[in-house]
Structures are given as structure tokens and as C-alpha cells.
Amino acid sequence: MQLKNTVAVNADADRLWSIVAHDFDKVGEWSSAVASSGPNPDAPTPDGALVGGRVCDVPGFGDLKETFTAYDESRKQFTFRVTGMPSFITLAQNTVAVRPTGNNKSEVSLNIQMETNAIGKVMGPMFKVKLRNTINLFLEELKVYAESGQISKKKQKQLAKAA
């Protein structure tokens, strides 16, 4: 199973890269797709990265560990593997790339690859819909955060409820 999505952002590529790569472990501060996040202390830190990965509490999925498997600061691209997914998912990884598209404009692309076992072949279509909705929400909130520096109203409500 493969899911791809790209979103245009009215912010320069360096700002967008800083959010998705340098602050990789802080995604829970601005994305309601992630209740909370922090550094993954077990993940080795690749050259150029500030952390080796993150641990995320993802509503509907639980605690997920994400570890960089490739990281290229100069190309503004990285890949991370996810563990802790439902047992029918045998591989989950995401490649994230940021590229400039013009004056104070850029885009971010996600390329998610998943492999499943036999049970996953049955569960896959339902899971794909849920994952696509999560990705769309993530990108929408990333755009808001990168462009304005503000978190989305949905994330604000999530934080207020948690407090």
C-alpha cells in the first residue's frame, strides 16, 4: 500500500524544513493527529538531524516509535520507519521531502509505504481511509503552522481538553 500527498505552503523551504525535520520530535505541539510527542531516546541520530526519531501518542493508533532510516539535510529529505502499528502492518515508512517553489513558497511531500500480512489484505482498505484522513489533517495543520506560526483550532481544543 502506498499513499502520496503534497501540499503547497506559503512559507520558505527553510522554515518548513525546520518544522518537519529539526523539530521532528515536536510534532505533537502543533498537529492534532498527534496527542503528544517527544524524542525517541533509543534511535541513533543521523548526521545533520537533531534527534534520531520520536515517540508519538497517535489517537486511534496508540504509541508509535518513529526512527530515521535516511536523512539528507542538503536535499531536505528524510525517511523514517514506524513501529508499534497494528500487527497486520509488517512495514510502515514515510519519506518526507521539502522543496522551494518560489519566493516565500514551498511544498512538502509525504510518500508513505506500508506492507501488510494476510489479515492486512482484508483490513487494508479501511485502514487506508483512516490513514489518508490522518495525513490530510496533518498536512492541513502543518500548512497553518508554517504560514502563521499558530496552531490549528482543532489542536487548541485538544490541548485545552488535555489540560
N, C-alpha and C. Protein backbone atom coordinates (compact mmCIF):
# COMPACT_ATOMS: atom_id res chain seq x y z
N MET A 1 0.85 -1.16 0.00
CA MET A 1 0.00 0.00 0.00
C MET A 1 0.90 1.23 0.00
N GLN A 2 0.55 2.19 -0.83
CA GLN A 2 1.32 3.42 -0.90
C GLN A 2 0.36 4.60 -0.93
N LEU A 3 0.68 5.62 -0.15
CA LEU A 3 -0.09 6.87 -0.13
C LEU A 3 0.88 8.02 -0.35
N LYS A 4 0.52 8.91 -1.26
CA LYS A 4 1.34 10.09 -1.53
C LYS A 4 0.46 11.32 -1.43
N ASN A 5 1.04 12.39 -0.92
CA ASN A 5 0.34 13.65 -0.87
C ASN A 5 1.35 14.78 -0.81
N THR A 6 1.02 15.88 -1.44
CA THR A 6 1.86 17.07 -1.45
C THR A 6 0.98 18.27 -1.17
N VAL A 7 1.51 19.21 -0.40
CA VAL A 7 0.76 20.44 -0.13
C VAL A 7 1.68 21.64 -0.35
N ALA A 8 1.13 22.66 -0.97
CA ALA A 8 1.84 23.92 -1.18
C ALA A 8 1.70 24.77 0.08
N VAL A 9 2.79 25.43 0.45
CA VAL A 9 2.82 26.22 1.68
C VAL A 9 3.39 27.60 1.37
N ASN A 10 2.75 28.62 1.90
CA ASN A 10 3.23 30.00 1.74
C ASN A 10 4.23 30.31 2.85
N ALA A 11 5.34 29.62 2.79
CA ALA A 11 6.46 29.83 3.70
C ALA A 11 7.70 29.31 2.98
N ASP A 12 8.86 29.86 3.33
CA ASP A 12 10.04 29.41 2.61
C ASP A 12 10.43 27.99 3.03
N ALA A 13 11.19 27.35 2.17
CA ALA A 13 11.55 25.94 2.38
C ALA A 13 12.36 25.75 3.67
N ASP A 14 13.19 26.72 4.04
CA ASP A 14 13.98 26.59 5.27
C ASP A 14 13.07 26.55 6.50
N ARG A 15 12.05 27.39 6.51
CA ARG A 15 11.11 27.38 7.64
C ARG A 15 10.37 26.05 7.71
N LEU A 16 9.87 25.60 6.56
CA LEU A 16 9.13 24.34 6.52
C LEU A 16 10.03 23.17 6.93
N TRP A 17 11.26 23.17 6.44
CA TRP A 17 12.21 22.11 6.80
C TRP A 17 12.50 22.13 8.30
N SER A 18 12.65 23.29 8.86
CA SER A 18 12.90 23.40 10.30
C SER A 18 11.79 22.74 11.10
N ILE A 19 10.55 22.95 10.68
CA ILE A 19 9.40 22.38 11.39
C ILE A 19 9.39 20.86 11.27
N VAL A 20 9.49 20.34 10.04
CA VAL A 20 9.32 18.89 9.85
C VAL A 20 10.56 18.09 10.20
N ALA A 21 11.76 18.69 10.08
CA ALA A 21 13.00 17.93 10.32
C ALA A 21 13.68 18.30 11.64
N HIS A 22 14.02 19.58 11.80
CA HIS A 22 14.75 19.97 13.01
C HIS A 22 13.88 19.84 14.26
N ASP A 23 12.60 20.09 14.13
CA ASP A 23 11.67 19.94 15.25
C ASP A 23 10.82 18.68 15.09
N PHE A 24 11.40 17.65 14.50
CA PHE A 24 10.72 16.39 14.22
C PHE A 24 10.00 15.84 15.44
N ASP A 25 10.65 15.90 16.59
CA ASP A 25 10.10 15.34 17.82
C ASP A 25 9.02 16.21 18.45
N LYS A 26 8.77 17.40 17.89
CA LYS A 26 7.80 18.33 18.49
C LYS A 26 6.48 18.38 17.73
N VAL A 27 6.23 17.41 16.88
CA VAL A 27 5.02 17.40 16.06
C VAL A 27 3.75 17.47 16.92
N GLY A 28 3.78 16.91 18.10
CA GLY A 28 2.63 16.92 18.99
C GLY A 28 2.27 18.30 19.50
N GLU A 29 3.15 19.28 19.33
CA GLU A 29 2.86 20.65 19.75
C GLU A 29 1.91 21.36 18.80
N TRP A 30 1.85 20.92 17.53
CA TRP A 30 1.02 21.64 16.55
C TRP A 30 0.05 20.77 15.75
N SER A 31 0.21 19.46 15.76
CA SER A 31 -0.66 18.59 14.98
C SER A 31 -1.65 17.84 15.87
N SER A 32 -2.93 17.98 15.60
CA SER A 32 -3.93 17.25 16.39
C SER A 32 -3.96 15.77 16.02
N ALA A 33 -3.28 15.39 14.93
CA ALA A 33 -3.15 13.97 14.58
C ALA A 33 -2.25 13.26 15.59
N VAL A 34 -1.51 14.04 16.38
CA VAL A 34 -0.59 13.51 17.39
C VAL A 34 -0.93 14.18 18.72
N ALA A 35 -1.37 13.38 19.70
CA ALA A 35 -1.73 13.95 21.00
C ALA A 35 -0.52 14.52 21.72
N SER A 36 0.60 13.80 21.65
CA SER A 36 1.85 14.27 22.25
C SER A 36 3.01 13.57 21.57
N SER A 37 4.19 14.17 21.70
CA SER A 37 5.39 13.58 21.08
C SER A 37 6.62 14.01 21.85
N GLY A 38 7.68 13.24 21.65
CA GLY A 38 8.97 13.56 22.24
C GLY A 38 10.05 12.78 21.54
N PRO A 39 11.32 13.05 21.88
CA PRO A 39 12.41 12.34 21.22
C PRO A 39 12.39 10.84 21.54
N ASN A 40 12.83 10.05 20.59
CA ASN A 40 12.98 8.61 20.79
C ASN A 40 14.42 8.38 21.26
N PRO A 41 14.63 8.13 22.55
CA PRO A 41 15.99 8.03 23.07
C PRO A 41 16.75 6.80 22.56
N ASP A 42 16.05 5.83 21.99
CA ASP A 42 16.69 4.61 21.50
C ASP A 42 17.19 4.73 20.07
N ALA A 43 16.83 5.82 19.39
CA ALA A 43 17.15 5.97 17.97
C ALA A 43 18.47 6.74 17.79
N PRO A 44 19.42 6.18 17.04
CA PRO A 44 20.66 6.92 16.78
C PRO A 44 20.39 8.15 15.91
N THR A 45 21.09 9.23 16.20
CA THR A 45 20.87 10.49 15.49
C THR A 45 21.74 10.55 14.24
N PRO A 46 21.11 10.66 13.05
CA PRO A 46 21.91 10.76 11.82
C PRO A 46 22.59 12.12 11.70
N ASP A 47 23.63 12.19 10.88
CA ASP A 47 24.33 13.45 10.64
C ASP A 47 23.34 14.51 10.15
N GLY A 48 23.37 15.67 10.78
CA GLY A 48 22.51 16.78 10.39
C GLY A 48 21.21 16.86 11.14
N ALA A 49 20.76 15.76 11.72
CA ALA A 49 19.50 15.74 12.46
C ALA A 49 19.74 16.13 13.92
N LEU A 50 18.71 16.61 14.58
CA LEU A 50 18.82 16.97 15.99
C LEU A 50 18.41 15.83 16.92
N VAL A 51 17.62 14.90 16.40
CA VAL A 51 17.20 13.70 17.13
C VAL A 51 17.25 12.53 16.17
N GLY A 52 17.19 11.33 16.70
CA GLY A 52 17.18 10.14 15.85
C GLY A 52 15.79 9.67 15.49
N GLY A 53 14.82 10.20 16.21
CA GLY A 53 13.43 9.81 15.97
C GLY A 53 12.54 10.40 17.03
N ARG A 54 11.31 9.92 17.05
CA ARG A 54 10.35 10.43 18.03
C ARG A 54 9.42 9.31 18.46
N VAL A 55 8.76 9.55 19.59
CA VAL A 55 7.70 8.69 20.09
C VAL A 55 6.45 9.55 20.10
N CYS A 56 5.40 9.05 19.44
CA CYS A 56 4.15 9.80 19.31
C CYS A 56 2.99 9.03 19.89
N ASP A 57 2.14 9.73 20.60
CA ASP A 57 0.84 9.19 21.02
C ASP A 57 -0.15 9.64 19.95
N VAL A 58 -0.58 8.69 19.12
CA VAL A 58 -1.46 8.99 17.99
C VAL A 58 -2.85 8.44 18.29
N PRO A 59 -3.85 9.33 18.43
CA PRO A 59 -5.21 8.86 18.70
C PRO A 59 -5.65 7.81 17.67
N GLY A 60 -6.15 6.70 18.17
CA GLY A 60 -6.60 5.63 17.28
C GLY A 60 -5.52 4.63 16.94
N PHE A 61 -4.25 4.97 17.22
CA PHE A 61 -3.13 4.08 16.92
C PHE A 61 -2.31 3.75 18.17
N GLY A 62 -2.32 4.62 19.17
CA GLY A 62 -1.52 4.41 20.37
C GLY A 62 -0.14 5.00 20.23
N ASP A 63 0.81 4.46 21.01
CA ASP A 63 2.19 4.94 20.99
C ASP A 63 2.93 4.34 19.81
N LEU A 64 3.46 5.21 18.99
CA LEU A 64 4.24 4.80 17.82
C LEU A 64 5.66 5.33 17.97
N LYS A 65 6.64 4.50 17.61
CA LYS A 65 8.04 4.92 17.60
C LYS A 65 8.44 5.13 16.15
N GLU A 66 9.03 6.29 15.88
CA GLU A 66 9.46 6.64 14.53
C GLU A 66 10.96 6.91 14.56
N THR A 67 11.69 6.22 13.68
CA THR A 67 13.14 6.29 13.67
C THR A 67 13.62 6.63 12.26
N PHE A 68 14.51 7.61 12.16
CA PHE A 68 15.09 7.95 10.86
C PHE A 68 15.85 6.76 10.30
N THR A 69 15.62 6.46 9.02
CA THR A 69 16.40 5.46 8.31
C THR A 69 17.24 6.12 7.22
N ALA A 70 16.90 7.34 6.85
CA ALA A 70 17.69 8.15 5.91
C ALA A 70 17.42 9.62 6.25
N TYR A 71 18.46 10.44 6.11
CA TYR A 71 18.32 11.86 6.44
C TYR A 71 19.30 12.63 5.59
N ASP A 72 18.81 13.56 4.78
CA ASP A 72 19.67 14.36 3.91
C ASP A 72 19.31 15.84 4.08
N GLU A 73 20.11 16.51 4.88
CA GLU A 73 19.88 17.93 5.19
C GLU A 73 19.96 18.78 3.91
N SER A 74 20.94 18.52 3.06
CA SER A 74 21.13 19.36 1.87
C SER A 74 19.98 19.20 0.86
N ARG A 75 19.42 18.02 0.76
CA ARG A 75 18.29 17.78 -0.16
C ARG A 75 16.94 18.02 0.51
N LYS A 76 16.97 18.30 1.82
CA LYS A 76 15.75 18.49 2.60
C LYS A 76 14.79 17.29 2.42
N GLN A 77 15.32 16.12 2.73
CA GLN A 77 14.54 14.90 2.59
C GLN A 77 14.96 13.90 3.66
N PHE A 78 13.99 13.18 4.21
CA PHE A 78 14.29 12.11 5.15
C PHE A 78 13.24 11.01 5.04
N THR A 79 13.63 9.84 5.54
CA THR A 79 12.72 8.70 5.62
C THR A 79 12.76 8.21 7.06
N PHE A 80 11.59 7.84 7.58
CA PHE A 80 11.55 7.25 8.90
C PHE A 80 10.66 6.01 8.88
N ARG A 81 11.02 5.06 9.73
CA ARG A 81 10.25 3.82 9.88
C ARG A 81 9.42 3.94 11.15
N VAL A 82 8.22 3.39 11.09
CA VAL A 82 7.29 3.44 12.22
C VAL A 82 7.12 2.05 12.80
N THR A 83 7.24 1.92 14.11
CA THR A 83 6.95 0.67 14.80
C THR A 83 5.85 0.93 15.82
N GLY A 84 5.13 -0.14 16.15
CA GLY A 84 4.02 -0.02 17.09
C GLY A 84 2.67 0.04 16.41
N MET A 85 2.67 -0.15 15.09
CA MET A 85 1.42 -0.14 14.32
C MET A 85 0.65 -1.43 14.62
N PRO A 86 -0.62 -1.51 14.21
CA PRO A 86 -1.37 -2.76 14.38
C PRO A 86 -0.59 -3.94 13.79
N SER A 87 -0.78 -5.12 14.35
CA SER A 87 0.04 -6.28 14.00
C SER A 87 -0.08 -6.70 12.53
N PHE A 88 -1.15 -6.32 11.86
CA PHE A 88 -1.27 -6.71 10.45
C PHE A 88 -0.41 -5.86 9.53
N ILE A 89 0.22 -4.81 10.07
CA ILE A 89 1.14 -3.99 9.29
C ILE A 89 2.56 -4.46 9.59
N THR A 90 3.23 -4.97 8.58
CA THR A 90 4.56 -5.53 8.75
C THR A 90 5.66 -4.51 8.45
N LEU A 91 5.35 -3.46 7.70
CA LEU A 91 6.29 -2.39 7.43
C LEU A 91 5.52 -1.09 7.24
N ALA A 92 6.00 -0.04 7.88
CA ALA A 92 5.43 1.29 7.69
C ALA A 92 6.58 2.28 7.67
N GLN A 93 6.69 3.01 6.58
CA GLN A 93 7.71 4.05 6.50
C GLN A 93 7.19 5.21 5.69
N ASN A 94 7.79 6.37 5.93
CA ASN A 94 7.35 7.61 5.30
C ASN A 94 8.58 8.39 4.85
N THR A 95 8.56 8.83 3.60
CA THR A 95 9.61 9.72 3.09
C THR A 95 9.01 11.12 2.98
N VAL A 96 9.67 12.07 3.60
CA VAL A 96 9.22 13.46 3.62
C VAL A 96 10.25 14.29 2.85
N ALA A 97 9.75 15.13 1.95
CA ALA A 97 10.64 16.00 1.18
C ALA A 97 10.06 17.41 1.14
N VAL A 98 10.94 18.38 1.27
CA VAL A 98 10.57 19.79 1.20
C VAL A 98 11.33 20.39 0.03
N ARG A 99 10.63 21.20 -0.77
CA ARG A 99 11.33 21.87 -1.86
C ARG A 99 10.77 23.27 -2.05
N PRO A 100 11.66 24.21 -2.39
CA PRO A 100 11.20 25.57 -2.66
C PRO A 100 10.45 25.61 -3.99
N THR A 101 9.43 26.46 -4.07
CA THR A 101 8.67 26.59 -5.32
C THR A 101 8.59 28.04 -5.79
N GLY A 102 9.14 28.96 -5.04
CA GLY A 102 9.10 30.37 -5.42
C GLY A 102 9.43 31.24 -4.24
N ASN A 103 9.24 32.54 -4.41
CA ASN A 103 9.53 33.49 -3.36
C ASN A 103 8.62 33.25 -2.16
N ASN A 104 9.21 32.83 -1.04
CA ASN A 104 8.48 32.54 0.19
C ASN A 104 7.39 31.48 -0.01
N LYS A 105 7.65 30.55 -0.92
CA LYS A 105 6.71 29.45 -1.19
C LYS A 105 7.50 28.14 -1.26
N SER A 106 6.87 27.07 -0.82
CA SER A 106 7.50 25.75 -0.86
C SER A 106 6.40 24.70 -0.86
N GLU A 107 6.83 23.45 -0.93
CA GLU A 107 5.88 22.36 -0.80
C GLU A 107 6.52 21.24 -0.01
N VAL A 108 5.67 20.48 0.65
CA VAL A 108 6.12 19.31 1.38
C VAL A 108 5.38 18.11 0.82
N SER A 109 6.12 17.03 0.63
CA SER A 109 5.54 15.80 0.09
C SER A 109 5.73 14.67 1.08
N LEU A 110 4.70 13.85 1.20
CA LEU A 110 4.77 12.63 2.00
C LEU A 110 4.60 11.45 1.06
N ASN A 111 5.40 10.44 1.25
CA ASN A 111 5.28 9.21 0.48
C ASN A 111 5.32 8.06 1.47
N ILE A 112 4.14 7.57 1.82
CA ILE A 112 4.01 6.53 2.84
C ILE A 112 3.91 5.18 2.17
N GLN A 113 4.74 4.25 2.65
CA GLN A 113 4.72 2.89 2.13
C GLN A 113 4.42 1.94 3.28
N MET A 114 3.49 1.02 3.01
CA MET A 114 3.15 0.03 4.03
C MET A 114 3.04 -1.34 3.38
N GLU A 115 3.43 -2.33 4.16
CA GLU A 115 3.25 -3.72 3.77
C GLU A 115 2.44 -4.39 4.87
N THR A 116 1.58 -5.32 4.46
CA THR A 116 0.71 -5.99 5.42
C THR A 116 0.81 -7.50 5.26
N ASN A 117 0.36 -8.20 6.29
CA ASN A 117 0.25 -9.65 6.19
C ASN A 117 -1.13 -9.99 5.61
N ALA A 118 -1.51 -11.25 5.64
CA ALA A 118 -2.77 -11.69 5.04
C ALA A 118 -3.98 -10.99 5.66
N ILE A 119 -3.98 -10.81 6.96
CA ILE A 119 -5.08 -10.11 7.62
C ILE A 119 -5.16 -8.68 7.13
N GLY A 120 -4.00 -8.08 6.89
CA GLY A 120 -3.95 -6.71 6.40
C GLY A 120 -4.57 -6.54 5.03
N LYS A 121 -4.56 -7.59 4.24
CA LYS A 121 -5.21 -7.51 2.92
C LYS A 121 -6.71 -7.25 3.08
N VAL A 122 -7.29 -7.80 4.14
CA VAL A 122 -8.72 -7.60 4.43
C VAL A 122 -8.93 -6.25 5.11
N MET A 123 -8.07 -5.93 6.08
CA MET A 123 -8.21 -4.69 6.86
C MET A 123 -7.70 -3.47 6.09
N GLY A 124 -6.84 -3.70 5.11
CA GLY A 124 -6.16 -2.63 4.39
C GLY A 124 -7.03 -1.50 3.89
N PRO A 125 -8.13 -1.78 3.17
CA PRO A 125 -8.94 -0.68 2.64
C PRO A 125 -9.49 0.26 3.72
N MET A 126 -9.97 -0.29 4.84
CA MET A 126 -10.48 0.55 5.93
C MET A 126 -9.34 1.35 6.56
N PHE A 127 -8.21 0.68 6.75
CA PHE A 127 -7.06 1.34 7.35
C PHE A 127 -6.55 2.46 6.44
N LYS A 128 -6.56 2.22 5.14
CA LYS A 128 -6.08 3.22 4.18
C LYS A 128 -6.92 4.49 4.25
N VAL A 129 -8.24 4.34 4.39
CA VAL A 129 -9.12 5.51 4.51
C VAL A 129 -8.78 6.30 5.77
N LYS A 130 -8.61 5.60 6.89
CA LYS A 130 -8.29 6.26 8.16
C LYS A 130 -6.93 6.96 8.06
N LEU A 131 -5.97 6.28 7.47
CA LEU A 131 -4.64 6.86 7.33
C LEU A 131 -4.66 8.07 6.40
N ARG A 132 -5.39 8.00 5.31
CA ARG A 132 -5.48 9.14 4.38
C ARG A 132 -6.08 10.35 5.09
N ASN A 133 -7.12 10.14 5.90
CA ASN A 133 -7.72 11.25 6.65
C ASN A 133 -6.72 11.85 7.64
N THR A 134 -5.93 11.00 8.28
CA THR A 134 -4.91 11.47 9.22
C THR A 134 -3.85 12.29 8.50
N ILE A 135 -3.42 11.82 7.34
CA ILE A 135 -2.40 12.54 6.55
C ILE A 135 -2.94 13.89 6.11
N ASN A 136 -4.16 13.93 5.62
CA ASN A 136 -4.75 15.19 5.17
C ASN A 136 -4.83 16.20 6.31
N LEU A 137 -5.24 15.74 7.49
CA LEU A 137 -5.30 16.61 8.67
C LEU A 137 -3.90 17.10 9.02
N PHE A 138 -2.93 16.21 9.04
CA PHE A 138 -1.55 16.56 9.34
C PHE A 138 -1.05 17.66 8.40
N LEU A 139 -1.25 17.49 7.12
CA LEU A 139 -0.76 18.47 6.14
C LEU A 139 -1.50 19.80 6.25
N GLU A 140 -2.78 19.75 6.50
CA GLU A 140 -3.57 20.97 6.68
C GLU A 140 -3.04 21.78 7.87
N GLU A 141 -2.78 21.08 8.98
CA GLU A 141 -2.30 21.77 10.17
C GLU A 141 -0.85 22.22 10.03
N LEU A 142 -0.05 21.46 9.30
CA LEU A 142 1.33 21.88 9.02
C LEU A 142 1.32 23.18 8.23
N LYS A 143 0.46 23.27 7.25
CA LYS A 143 0.35 24.47 6.42
C LYS A 143 -0.01 25.68 7.30
N VAL A 144 -1.01 25.53 8.15
CA VAL A 144 -1.42 26.61 9.05
C VAL A 144 -0.24 27.03 9.95
N TYR A 145 0.41 26.06 10.53
CA TYR A 145 1.51 26.34 11.46
C TYR A 145 2.69 27.01 10.76
N ALA A 146 3.07 26.50 9.59
CA ALA A 146 4.21 27.06 8.86
C ALA A 146 3.92 28.48 8.36
N GLU A 147 2.70 28.72 7.94
CA GLU A 147 2.35 30.03 7.39
C GLU A 147 2.11 31.09 8.45
N SER A 148 1.54 30.69 9.58
CA SER A 148 1.13 31.69 10.58
C SER A 148 1.88 31.60 11.91
N GLY A 149 2.50 30.45 12.17
CA GLY A 149 3.12 30.25 13.48
C GLY A 149 2.10 29.89 14.55
N GLN A 150 0.85 29.74 14.16
CA GLN A 150 -0.23 29.42 15.09
C GLN A 150 -0.66 27.96 14.92
N ILE A 151 -1.11 27.36 16.00
CA ILE A 151 -1.64 26.00 15.89
C ILE A 151 -3.11 26.09 15.49
N SER A 152 -3.60 25.01 14.89
CA SER A 152 -4.98 24.98 14.40
C SER A 152 -5.98 25.05 15.56
N LYS A 153 -7.20 25.42 15.24
CA LYS A 153 -8.26 25.46 16.26
C LYS A 153 -8.49 24.06 16.84
N LYS A 154 -8.41 23.04 16.00
CA LYS A 154 -8.60 21.67 16.47
C LYS A 154 -7.52 21.30 17.49
N LYS A 155 -6.26 21.67 17.24
CA LYS A 155 -5.18 21.37 18.18
C LYS A 155 -5.37 22.19 19.45
N GLN A 156 -5.80 23.44 19.32
CA GLN A 156 -6.06 24.25 20.50
C GLN A 156 -7.10 23.57 21.40
N LYS A 157 -8.17 23.06 20.79
CA LYS A 157 -9.22 22.36 21.57
C LYS A 157 -8.65 21.09 22.22
N GLN A 158 -7.83 20.37 21.47
CA GLN A 158 -7.23 19.14 22.00
C GLN A 158 -6.35 19.44 23.22
N LEU A 159 -5.56 20.50 23.14
CA LEU A 159 -4.70 20.88 24.25
C LEU A 159 -5.52 21.35 25.46
N ALA A 160 -6.58 22.11 25.20
CA ALA A 160 -7.44 22.59 26.30
C ALA A 160 -8.11 21.42 27.00
N LYS A 161 -8.55 20.44 26.24
CA LYS A 161 -9.20 19.26 26.82
C LYS A 161 -8.22 18.44 27.65
N ALA A 162 -6.97 18.33 27.18
CA ALA A 162 -5.95 17.56 27.90
C ALA A 162 -5.56 18.25 29.22
N ALA A 163 -5.66 19.60 29.23
CA ALA A 163 -5.29 20.34 30.44
C ALA A 163 -6.40 20.22 31.44
